[in-house]
Structures are given as structure tokens and as C-alpha cells.
Amino acid sequence: MNERDETPDPGSAFALAPGVRLEPLGDGSAVLYSRELDQSLSLNHTAALLCSFADGRHTVSAALREIREVFPHDTVEEAALTAFLSDLAARQFLQWV
């Protein structure tokens, strides 16, 4: 992916930015927070699962496959996941590797 390109391709790997923590909650949702940014985000089940793949090894397409396995009856759009990941990157919660 080009450094200036804001939209990652399906083969782009992603990771949580340094200092960002994912705290799972008992109901399947999670909180993503950064002390450096002094910000937190509440995540629904799908977003929490997606962020759990932010290990620098999973690509967008690999994460999409796994999410579709977990939620086989839901329509999970690649464009929506990519847009969410791009938003997290813009907020400095996530980085492309």
C-alpha cells in the first residue's frame, strides 16, 4: 500500500498502533483505548473481533474471511470493514504494516 493511499488493499496487514490497548468486555464487545491519545472507543461485537486480528500478520481479506466464519448469517461487506480500519488509522488507533 502506498503511504499516501488512505484506502488499503485487501492484502494490507494491520496492527494496533503502539500504546493502543484492546480490552474485551464480557458480552463480546470491547473498548479500544490509548493513554497517549487520551481517547477510547466502544466497539460492537464485529468491530471488537476485527480489532482482535490487528496483530500485524492478518490482512484485510484474512480478517474478513474469519469474521464471515464467525457470523455466517450476517452480511459482512469488505468495503465497510476497510472503511472502519481506515477510520481507526486516521484516528491513530491502528497502523498499516
PDB file of N, CA and C in Angstrom:
ATOM      1  N   MET A   1       0.843  -1.188   0.000  1.00  0.00           N
ATOM      2  CA  MET A   1       0.000   0.000   0.000  1.00  0.00           C
ATOM      3  C   MET A   1       0.880   1.240   0.000  1.00  0.00           C
ATOM      4  N   ASN A   2       0.517   2.199  -0.769  1.00  0.00           N
ATOM      5  CA  ASN A   2       1.215   3.472  -0.864  1.00  0.00           C
ATOM      6  C   ASN A   2       1.019   4.247   0.441  1.00  0.00           C
ATOM      7  N   GLU A   3       2.084   4.893   0.936  1.00  0.00           N
ATOM      8  CA  GLU A   3       1.988   5.640   2.190  1.00  0.00           C
ATOM      9  C   GLU A   3       0.899   6.703   2.136  1.00  0.00           C
ATOM     10  N   ARG A   4       0.699   7.307   0.961  1.00  0.00           N
ATOM     11  CA  ARG A   4      -0.293   8.370   0.838  1.00  0.00           C
ATOM     12  C   ARG A   4      -1.688   7.826   0.560  1.00  0.00           C
ATOM     13  N   ASP A   5      -1.773   6.555   0.257  1.00  0.00           N
ATOM     14  CA  ASP A   5      -3.054   5.938  -0.076  1.00  0.00           C
ATOM     15  C   ASP A   5      -3.833   5.686   1.214  1.00  0.00           C
ATOM     16  N   GLU A   6      -4.992   6.293   1.352  1.00  0.00           N
ATOM     17  CA  GLU A   6      -5.770   6.153   2.575  1.00  0.00           C
ATOM     18  C   GLU A   6      -6.616   4.894   2.572  1.00  0.00           C
ATOM     19  N   THR A   7      -6.836   4.293   1.408  1.00  0.00           N
ATOM     20  CA  THR A   7      -7.648   3.092   1.322  1.00  0.00           C
ATOM     21  C   THR A   7      -6.739   1.888   1.116  1.00  0.00           C
ATOM     22  N   PRO A   8      -6.667   0.998   2.099  1.00  0.00           N
ATOM     23  CA  PRO A   8      -5.797  -0.166   1.974  1.00  0.00           C
ATOM     24  C   PRO A   8      -6.370  -1.173   0.984  1.00  0.00           C
ATOM     25  N   ASP A   9      -5.496  -1.982   0.417  1.00  0.00           N
ATOM     26  CA  ASP A   9      -5.988  -3.044  -0.446  1.00  0.00           C
ATOM     27  C   ASP A   9      -6.241  -4.289   0.414  1.00  0.00           C
ATOM     28  N   PRO A  10      -6.946  -5.286  -0.120  1.00  0.00           N
ATOM     29  CA  PRO A  10      -7.294  -6.479   0.674  1.00  0.00           C
ATOM     30  C   PRO A  10      -6.089  -7.229   1.222  1.00  0.00           C
ATOM     31  N   GLY A  11      -4.914  -7.038   0.607  1.00  0.00           N
ATOM     32  CA  GLY A  11      -3.713  -7.720   1.080  1.00  0.00           C
ATOM     33  C   GLY A  11      -2.935  -6.950   2.129  1.00  0.00           C
ATOM     34  N   SER A  12      -3.444  -5.791   2.546  1.00  0.00           N
ATOM     35  CA  SER A  12      -2.757  -4.975   3.552  1.00  0.00           C
ATOM     36  C   SER A  12      -2.916  -5.586   4.935  1.00  0.00           C
ATOM     37  N   ALA A  13      -1.795  -5.704   5.638  1.00  0.00           N
ATOM     38  CA  ALA A  13      -1.830  -6.179   7.027  1.00  0.00           C
ATOM     39  C   ALA A  13      -1.974  -4.955   7.936  1.00  0.00           C
ATOM     40  N   PHE A  14      -2.515  -5.193   9.123  1.00  0.00           N
ATOM     41  CA  PHE A  14      -2.757  -4.085  10.043  1.00  0.00           C
ATOM     42  C   PHE A  14      -2.471  -4.504  11.474  1.00  0.00           C
ATOM     43  N   ALA A  15      -2.157  -3.505  12.304  1.00  0.00           N
ATOM     44  CA  ALA A  15      -1.846  -3.745  13.714  1.00  0.00           C
ATOM     45  C   ALA A  15      -2.336  -2.557  14.530  1.00  0.00           C
ATOM     46  N   LEU A  16      -2.586  -2.787  15.804  1.00  0.00           N
ATOM     47  CA  LEU A  16      -2.901  -1.676  16.688  1.00  0.00           C
ATOM     48  C   LEU A  16      -1.669  -0.791  16.769  1.00  0.00           C
ATOM     49  N   ALA A  17      -1.879   0.496  16.858  1.00  0.00           N
ATOM     50  CA  ALA A  17      -0.765   1.437  16.977  1.00  0.00           C
ATOM     51  C   ALA A  17      -0.086   1.231  18.334  1.00  0.00           C
ATOM     52  N   PRO A  18       1.193   1.591  18.432  1.00  0.00           N
ATOM     53  CA  PRO A  18       1.886   1.459  19.715  1.00  0.00           C
ATOM     54  C   PRO A  18       1.128   2.179  20.830  1.00  0.00           C
ATOM     55  N   GLY A  19       0.984   1.522  21.957  1.00  0.00           N
ATOM     56  CA  GLY A  19       0.301   2.100  23.107  1.00  0.00           C
ATOM     57  C   GLY A  19      -1.207   1.931  23.112  1.00  0.00           C
ATOM     58  N   VAL A  20      -1.782   1.409  22.032  1.00  0.00           N
ATOM     59  CA  VAL A  20      -3.230   1.201  21.966  1.00  0.00           C
ATOM     60  C   VAL A  20      -3.558  -0.177  22.525  1.00  0.00           C
ATOM     61  N   ARG A  21      -4.563  -0.242  23.362  1.00  0.00           N
ATOM     62  CA  ARG A  21      -4.963  -1.499  24.009  1.00  0.00           C
ATOM     63  C   ARG A  21      -6.396  -1.847  23.630  1.00  0.00           C
ATOM     64  N   LEU A  22      -6.637  -3.136  23.446  1.00  0.00           N
ATOM     65  CA  LEU A  22      -7.975  -3.656  23.196  1.00  0.00           C
ATOM     66  C   LEU A  22      -8.401  -4.397  24.444  1.00  0.00           C
ATOM     67  N   GLU A  23      -9.458  -3.918  25.089  1.00  0.00           N
ATOM     68  CA  GLU A  23      -9.963  -4.547  26.312  1.00  0.00           C
ATOM     69  C   GLU A  23     -11.313  -5.191  26.040  1.00  0.00           C
ATOM     70  N   PRO A  24     -11.343  -6.526  25.884  1.00  0.00           N
ATOM     71  CA  PRO A  24     -12.613  -7.225  25.644  1.00  0.00           C
ATOM     72  C   PRO A  24     -13.530  -7.117  26.865  1.00  0.00           C
ATOM     73  N   LEU A  25     -14.816  -7.016  26.596  1.00  0.00           N
ATOM     74  CA  LEU A  25     -15.822  -6.997  27.653  1.00  0.00           C
ATOM     75  C   LEU A  25     -16.569  -8.329  27.633  1.00  0.00           C
ATOM     76  N   GLY A  26     -17.244  -8.648  28.688  1.00  0.00           N
ATOM     77  CA  GLY A  26     -17.884  -9.943  28.846  1.00  0.00           C
ATOM     78  C   GLY A  26     -18.965 -10.272  27.827  1.00  0.00           C
ATOM     79  N   ASP A  27     -19.540  -9.264  27.192  1.00  0.00           N
ATOM     80  CA  ASP A  27     -20.643  -9.501  26.252  1.00  0.00           C
ATOM     81  C   ASP A  27     -20.180  -9.630  24.799  1.00  0.00           C
ATOM     82  N   GLY A  28     -18.861  -9.671  24.570  1.00  0.00           N
ATOM     83  CA  GLY A  28     -18.346  -9.784  23.209  1.00  0.00           C
ATOM     84  C   GLY A  28     -17.938  -8.458  22.600  1.00  0.00           C
ATOM     85  N   SER A  29     -18.356  -7.369  23.215  1.00  0.00           N
ATOM     86  CA  SER A  29     -17.929  -6.061  22.738  1.00  0.00           C
ATOM     87  C   SER A  29     -16.551  -5.767  23.359  1.00  0.00           C
ATOM     88  N   ALA A  30     -16.015  -4.589  23.118  1.00  0.00           N
ATOM     89  CA  ALA A  30     -14.695  -4.251  23.656  1.00  0.00           C
ATOM     90  C   ALA A  30     -14.528  -2.744  23.697  1.00  0.00           C
ATOM     91  N   VAL A  31     -13.473  -2.324  24.355  1.00  0.00           N
ATOM     92  CA  VAL A  31     -13.079  -0.920  24.379  1.00  0.00           C
ATOM     93  C   VAL A  31     -11.658  -0.848  23.839  1.00  0.00           C
ATOM     94  N   LEU A  32     -11.444   0.072  22.945  1.00  0.00           N
ATOM     95  CA  LEU A  32     -10.127   0.344  22.383  1.00  0.00           C
ATOM     96  C   LEU A  32      -9.684   1.660  22.996  1.00  0.00           C
ATOM     97  N   TYR A  33      -8.502   1.682  23.622  1.00  0.00           N
ATOM     98  CA  TYR A  33      -8.091   2.949  24.221  1.00  0.00           C
ATOM     99  C   TYR A  33      -6.598   3.191  24.087  1.00  0.00           C
ATOM    100  N   SER A  34      -6.269   4.471  24.155  1.00  0.00           N
ATOM    101  CA  SER A  34      -4.889   4.914  24.070  1.00  0.00           C
ATOM    102  C   SER A  34      -4.663   5.971  25.133  1.00  0.00           C
ATOM    103  N   ARG A  35      -3.720   5.710  26.022  1.00  0.00           N
ATOM    104  CA  ARG A  35      -3.383   6.729  27.027  1.00  0.00           C
ATOM    105  C   ARG A  35      -2.690   7.912  26.372  1.00  0.00           C
ATOM    106  N   GLU A  36      -1.846   7.622  25.367  1.00  0.00           N
ATOM    107  CA  GLU A  36      -1.134   8.700  24.672  1.00  0.00           C
ATOM    108  C   GLU A  36      -2.105   9.676  24.022  1.00  0.00           C
ATOM    109  N   LEU A  37      -3.143   9.139  23.376  1.00  0.00           N
ATOM    110  CA  LEU A  37      -4.123   9.989  22.704  1.00  0.00           C
ATOM    111  C   LEU A  37      -5.183  10.509  23.671  1.00  0.00           C
ATOM    112  N   ASP A  38      -5.263   9.896  24.861  1.00  0.00           N
ATOM    113  CA  ASP A  38      -6.296  10.204  25.852  1.00  0.00           C
ATOM    114  C   ASP A  38      -7.679  10.047  25.226  1.00  0.00           C
ATOM    115  N   GLN A  39      -7.851   8.902  24.505  1.00  0.00           N
ATOM    116  CA  GLN A  39      -9.116   8.613  23.837  1.00  0.00           C
ATOM    117  C   GLN A  39      -9.458   7.142  23.994  1.00  0.00           C
ATOM    118  N   SER A  40     -10.754   6.858  23.924  1.00  0.00           N
ATOM    119  CA  SER A  40     -11.210   5.470  23.900  1.00  0.00           C
ATOM    120  C   SER A  40     -12.405   5.370  22.954  1.00  0.00           C
ATOM    121  N   LEU A  41     -12.612   4.171  22.449  1.00  0.00           N
ATOM    122  CA  LEU A  41     -13.739   3.893  21.567  1.00  0.00           C
ATOM    123  C   LEU A  41     -14.437   2.635  22.050  1.00  0.00           C
ATOM    124  N   SER A  42     -15.756   2.661  22.083  1.00  0.00           N
ATOM    125  CA  SER A  42     -16.537   1.461  22.377  1.00  0.00           C
ATOM    126  C   SER A  42     -16.766   0.725  21.066  1.00  0.00           C
ATOM    127  N   LEU A  43     -16.525  -0.582  21.073  1.00  0.00           N
ATOM    128  CA  LEU A  43     -16.651  -1.385  19.861  1.00  0.00           C
ATOM    129  C   LEU A  43     -17.755  -2.422  20.008  1.00  0.00           C
ATOM    130  N   ASN A  44     -18.549  -2.596  18.959  1.00  0.00           N
ATOM    131  CA  ASN A  44     -19.554  -3.658  18.969  1.00  0.00           C
ATOM    132  C   ASN A  44     -18.849  -4.998  18.727  1.00  0.00           C
ATOM    133  N   HIS A  45     -19.604  -6.084  18.671  1.00  0.00           N
ATOM    134  CA  HIS A  45     -19.033  -7.423  18.533  1.00  0.00           C
ATOM    135  C   HIS A  45     -18.156  -7.559  17.291  1.00  0.00           C
ATOM    136  N   THR A  46     -18.657  -7.090  16.149  1.00  0.00           N
ATOM    137  CA  THR A  46     -17.922  -7.226  14.894  1.00  0.00           C
ATOM    138  C   THR A  46     -16.647  -6.394  14.921  1.00  0.00           C
ATOM    139  N   ALA A  47     -16.730  -5.158  15.377  1.00  0.00           N
ATOM    140  CA  ALA A  47     -15.553  -4.292  15.447  1.00  0.00           C
ATOM    141  C   ALA A  47     -14.525  -4.845  16.431  1.00  0.00           C
ATOM    142  N   ALA A  48     -15.002  -5.388  17.554  1.00  0.00           N
ATOM    143  CA  ALA A  48     -14.093  -5.982  18.536  1.00  0.00           C
ATOM    144  C   ALA A  48     -13.357  -7.178  17.939  1.00  0.00           C
ATOM    145  N   LEU A  49     -14.091  -8.016  17.207  1.00  0.00           N
ATOM    146  CA  LEU A  49     -13.470  -9.175  16.571  1.00  0.00           C
ATOM    147  C   LEU A  49     -12.448  -8.713  15.536  1.00  0.00           C
ATOM    148  N   LEU A  50     -12.813  -7.727  14.730  1.00  0.00           N
ATOM    149  CA  LEU A  50     -11.897  -7.206  13.721  1.00  0.00           C
ATOM    150  C   LEU A  50     -10.621  -6.683  14.375  1.00  0.00           C
ATOM    151  N   CYS A  51     -10.751  -5.934  15.446  1.00  0.00           N
ATOM    152  CA  CYS A  51      -9.575  -5.391  16.128  1.00  0.00           C
ATOM    153  C   CYS A  51      -8.733  -6.485  16.786  1.00  0.00           C
ATOM    154  N   SER A  52      -9.355  -7.602  17.122  1.00  0.00           N
ATOM    155  CA  SER A  52      -8.576  -8.711  17.703  1.00  0.00           C
ATOM    156  C   SER A  52      -7.615  -9.310  16.679  1.00  0.00           C
ATOM    157  N   PHE A  53      -7.841  -9.050  15.393  1.00  0.00           N
ATOM    158  CA  PHE A  53      -6.946  -9.528  14.336  1.00  0.00           C
ATOM    159  C   PHE A  53      -5.842  -8.514  14.024  1.00  0.00           C
ATOM    160  N   ALA A  54      -5.813  -7.392  14.710  1.00  0.00           N
ATOM    161  CA  ALA A  54      -4.832  -6.334  14.429  1.00  0.00           C
ATOM    162  C   ALA A  54      -3.489  -6.680  15.069  1.00  0.00           C
ATOM    163  N   ASP A  55      -2.856  -7.715  14.498  1.00  0.00           N
ATOM    164  CA  ASP A  55      -1.608  -8.230  15.051  1.00  0.00           C
ATOM    165  C   ASP A  55      -0.415  -8.046  14.122  1.00  0.00           C
ATOM    166  N   GLY A  56      -0.624  -7.374  12.989  1.00  0.00           N
ATOM    167  CA  GLY A  56       0.450  -7.168  12.038  1.00  0.00           C
ATOM    168  C   GLY A  56       0.639  -8.320  11.071  1.00  0.00           C
ATOM    169  N   ARG A  57      -0.071  -9.425  11.297  1.00  0.00           N
ATOM    170  CA  ARG A  57       0.029 -10.587  10.411  1.00  0.00           C
ATOM    171  C   ARG A  57      -1.237 -10.785   9.586  1.00  0.00           C
ATOM    172  N   HIS A  58      -2.390 -10.440  10.160  1.00  0.00           N
ATOM    173  CA  HIS A  58      -3.655 -10.589   9.441  1.00  0.00           C
ATOM    174  C   HIS A  58      -3.797  -9.494   8.385  1.00  0.00           C
ATOM    175  N   THR A  59      -4.270  -9.878   7.222  1.00  0.00           N
ATOM    176  CA  THR A  59      -4.586  -8.908   6.175  1.00  0.00           C
ATOM    177  C   THR A  59      -6.073  -8.598   6.260  1.00  0.00           C
ATOM    178  N   VAL A  60      -6.493  -7.586   5.526  1.00  0.00           N
ATOM    179  CA  VAL A  60      -7.909  -7.230   5.481  1.00  0.00           C
ATOM    180  C   VAL A  60      -8.730  -8.433   4.996  1.00  0.00           C
ATOM    181  N   SER A  61      -8.271  -9.085   3.938  1.00  0.00           N
ATOM    182  CA  SER A  61      -9.036 -10.206   3.381  1.00  0.00           C
ATOM    183  C   SER A  61      -9.054 -11.409   4.339  1.00  0.00           C
ATOM    184  N   ALA A  62      -7.955 -11.666   5.048  1.00  0.00           N
ATOM    185  CA  ALA A  62      -7.936 -12.776   6.012  1.00  0.00           C
ATOM    186  C   ALA A  62      -8.894 -12.494   7.169  1.00  0.00           C
ATOM    187  N   ALA A  63      -8.899 -11.272   7.654  1.00  0.00           N
ATOM    188  CA  ALA A  63      -9.809 -10.900   8.741  1.00  0.00           C
ATOM    189  C   ALA A  63     -11.256 -11.017   8.279  1.00  0.00           C
ATOM    190  N   LEU A  64     -11.526 -10.598   7.053  1.00  0.00           N
ATOM    191  CA  LEU A  64     -12.874 -10.683   6.504  1.00  0.00           C
ATOM    192  C   LEU A  64     -13.340 -12.143   6.444  1.00  0.00           C
ATOM    193  N   ARG A  65     -12.470 -13.032   5.984  1.00  0.00           N
ATOM    194  CA  ARG A  65     -12.814 -14.466   5.935  1.00  0.00           C
ATOM    195  C   ARG A  65     -13.164 -15.000   7.317  1.00  0.00           C
ATOM    196  N   GLU A  66     -12.339 -14.657   8.301  1.00  0.00           N
ATOM    197  CA  GLU A  66     -12.578 -15.161   9.658  1.00  0.00           C
ATOM    198  C   GLU A  66     -13.860 -14.584  10.255  1.00  0.00           C
ATOM    199  N   ILE A  67     -14.127 -13.312  10.007  1.00  0.00           N
ATOM    200  CA  ILE A  67     -15.350 -12.693  10.525  1.00  0.00           C
ATOM    201  C   ILE A  67     -16.574 -13.344   9.882  1.00  0.00           C
ATOM    202  N   ARG A  68     -16.501 -13.625   8.595  1.00  0.00           N
ATOM    203  CA  ARG A  68     -17.625 -14.285   7.917  1.00  0.00           C
ATOM    204  C   ARG A  68     -17.862 -15.696   8.464  1.00  0.00           C
ATOM    205  N   GLU A  69     -16.799 -16.361   8.931  1.00  0.00           N
ATOM    206  CA  GLU A  69     -16.973 -17.682   9.554  1.00  0.00           C
ATOM    207  C   GLU A  69     -17.673 -17.563  10.907  1.00  0.00           C
ATOM    208  N   VAL A  70     -17.333 -16.519  11.659  1.00  0.00           N
ATOM    209  CA  VAL A  70     -17.935 -16.312  12.982  1.00  0.00           C
ATOM    210  C   VAL A  70     -19.387 -15.857  12.862  1.00  0.00           C
ATOM    211  N   PHE A  71     -19.680 -15.035  11.855  1.00  0.00           N
ATOM    212  CA  PHE A  71     -21.030 -14.506  11.640  1.00  0.00           C
ATOM    213  C   PHE A  71     -21.549 -14.964  10.271  1.00  0.00           C
ATOM    214  N   PRO A  72     -21.786 -16.272  10.089  1.00  0.00           N
ATOM    215  CA  PRO A  72     -22.152 -16.783   8.761  1.00  0.00           C
ATOM    216  C   PRO A  72     -23.501 -16.295   8.240  1.00  0.00           C
ATOM    217  N   HIS A  73     -24.385 -15.869   9.115  1.00  0.00           N
ATOM    218  CA  HIS A  73     -25.722 -15.444   8.683  1.00  0.00           C
ATOM    219  C   HIS A  73     -25.823 -13.939   8.461  1.00  0.00           C
ATOM    220  N   ASP A  74     -24.730 -13.224   8.743  1.00  0.00           N
ATOM    221  CA  ASP A  74     -24.722 -11.770   8.563  1.00  0.00           C
ATOM    222  C   ASP A  74     -23.990 -11.414   7.276  1.00  0.00           C
ATOM    223  N   THR A  75     -24.392 -10.328   6.677  1.00  0.00           N
ATOM    224  CA  THR A  75     -23.689  -9.812   5.511  1.00  0.00           C
ATOM    225  C   THR A  75     -22.570  -8.923   6.018  1.00  0.00           C
ATOM    226  N   VAL A  76     -21.336  -9.318   5.749  1.00  0.00           N
ATOM    227  CA  VAL A  76     -20.181  -8.542   6.163  1.00  0.00           C
ATOM    228  C   VAL A  76     -19.494  -8.037   4.903  1.00  0.00           C
ATOM    229  N   GLU A  77     -19.540  -6.736   4.695  1.00  0.00           N
ATOM    230  CA  GLU A  77     -19.002  -6.121   3.489  1.00  0.00           C
ATOM    231  C   GLU A  77     -17.539  -5.723   3.672  1.00  0.00           C
ATOM    232  N   GLU A  78     -16.721  -6.100   2.702  1.00  0.00           N
ATOM    233  CA  GLU A  78     -15.302  -5.731   2.753  1.00  0.00           C
ATOM    234  C   GLU A  78     -15.133  -4.221   2.794  1.00  0.00           C
ATOM    235  N   ALA A  79     -15.936  -3.496   2.021  1.00  0.00           N
ATOM    236  CA  ALA A  79     -15.822  -2.035   1.983  1.00  0.00           C
ATOM    237  C   ALA A  79     -16.087  -1.421   3.356  1.00  0.00           C
ATOM    238  N   ALA A  80     -17.051  -1.959   4.087  1.00  0.00           N
ATOM    239  CA  ALA A  80     -17.365  -1.436   5.415  1.00  0.00           C
ATOM    240  C   ALA A  80     -16.222  -1.704   6.395  1.00  0.00           C
ATOM    241  N   LEU A  81     -15.650  -2.917   6.336  1.00  0.00           N
ATOM    242  CA  LEU A  81     -14.529  -3.232   7.218  1.00  0.00           C
ATOM    243  C   LEU A  81     -13.319  -2.358   6.887  1.00  0.00           C
ATOM    244  N   THR A  82     -13.050  -2.194   5.607  1.00  0.00           N
ATOM    245  CA  THR A  82     -11.919  -1.374   5.180  1.00  0.00           C
ATOM    246  C   THR A  82     -12.113   0.075   5.610  1.00  0.00           C
ATOM    247  N   ALA A  83     -13.329   0.589   5.470  1.00  0.00           N
ATOM    248  CA  ALA A  83     -13.616   1.961   5.896  1.00  0.00           C
ATOM    249  C   ALA A  83     -13.419   2.120   7.404  1.00  0.00           C
ATOM    250  N   PHE A  84     -13.855   1.123   8.174  1.00  0.00           N
ATOM    251  CA  PHE A  84     -13.680   1.171   9.629  1.00  0.00           C
ATOM    252  C   PHE A  84     -12.196   1.164   9.984  1.00  0.00           C
ATOM    253  N   LEU A  85     -11.422   0.274   9.351  1.00  0.00           N
ATOM    254  CA  LEU A  85      -9.985   0.217   9.615  1.00  0.00           C
ATOM    255  C   LEU A  85      -9.298   1.527   9.215  1.00  0.00           C
ATOM    256  N   SER A  86      -9.708   2.104   8.099  1.00  0.00           N
ATOM    257  CA  SER A  86      -9.138   3.382   7.658  1.00  0.00           C
ATOM    258  C   SER A  86      -9.454   4.489   8.658  1.00  0.00           C
ATOM    259  N   ASP A  87     -10.662   4.460   9.215  1.00  0.00           N
ATOM    260  CA  ASP A  87     -11.044   5.442  10.222  1.00  0.00           C
ATOM    261  C   ASP A  87     -10.192   5.272  11.478  1.00  0.00           C
ATOM    262  N   LEU A  88      -9.972   4.029  11.892  1.00  0.00           N
ATOM    263  CA  LEU A  88      -9.115   3.795  13.062  1.00  0.00           C
ATOM    264  C   LEU A  88      -7.689   4.281  12.805  1.00  0.00           C
ATOM    265  N   ALA A  89      -7.196   4.069  11.579  1.00  0.00           N
ATOM    266  CA  ALA A  89      -5.858   4.544  11.232  1.00  0.00           C
ATOM    267  C   ALA A  89      -5.809   6.074  11.266  1.00  0.00           C
ATOM    268  N   ALA A  90      -6.837   6.725  10.747  1.00  0.00           N
ATOM    269  CA  ALA A  90      -6.886   8.189  10.757  1.00  0.00           C
ATOM    270  C   ALA A  90      -6.930   8.732  12.181  1.00  0.00           C
ATOM    271  N   ARG A  91      -7.548   7.981  13.083  1.00  0.00           N
ATOM    272  CA  ARG A  91      -7.617   8.390  14.500  1.00  0.00           C
ATOM    273  C   ARG A  91      -6.371   7.980  15.286  1.00  0.00           C
ATOM    274  N   GLN A  92      -5.429   7.333  14.614  1.00  0.00           N
ATOM    275  CA  GLN A  92      -4.154   6.887  15.187  1.00  0.00           C
ATOM    276  C   GLN A  92      -4.302   5.721  16.163  1.00  0.00           C
ATOM    277  N   PHE A  93      -5.368   4.947  16.020  1.00  0.00           N
ATOM    278  CA  PHE A  93      -5.548   3.740  16.817  1.00  0.00           C
ATOM    279  C   PHE A  93      -4.933   2.515  16.128  1.00  0.00           C
ATOM    280  N   LEU A  94      -4.700   2.628  14.822  1.00  0.00           N
ATOM    281  CA  LEU A  94      -4.288   1.490  14.017  1.00  0.00           C
ATOM    282  C   LEU A  94      -3.222   1.917  13.033  1.00  0.00           C
ATOM    283  N   GLN A  95      -2.365   0.979  12.637  1.00  0.00           N
ATOM    284  CA  GLN A  95      -1.359   1.286  11.619  1.00  0.00           C
ATOM    285  C   GLN A  95      -1.325   0.167  10.589  1.00  0.00           C
ATOM    286  N   TRP A  96      -0.969   0.532   9.368  1.00  0.00           N
ATOM    287  CA  TRP A  96      -0.819  -0.441   8.287  1.00  0.00           C
ATOM    288  C   TRP A  96       0.623  -0.913   8.286  1.00  0.00           C
ATOM    289  N   VAL A  97       0.810  -2.201   8.156  1.00  0.00           N
ATOM    290  CA  VAL A  97       2.177  -2.767   8.188  1.00  0.00           C
ATOM    291  C   VAL A  97       2.504  -3.481   6.912  1.00  0.00           C
TER     292      VAL A  97
END
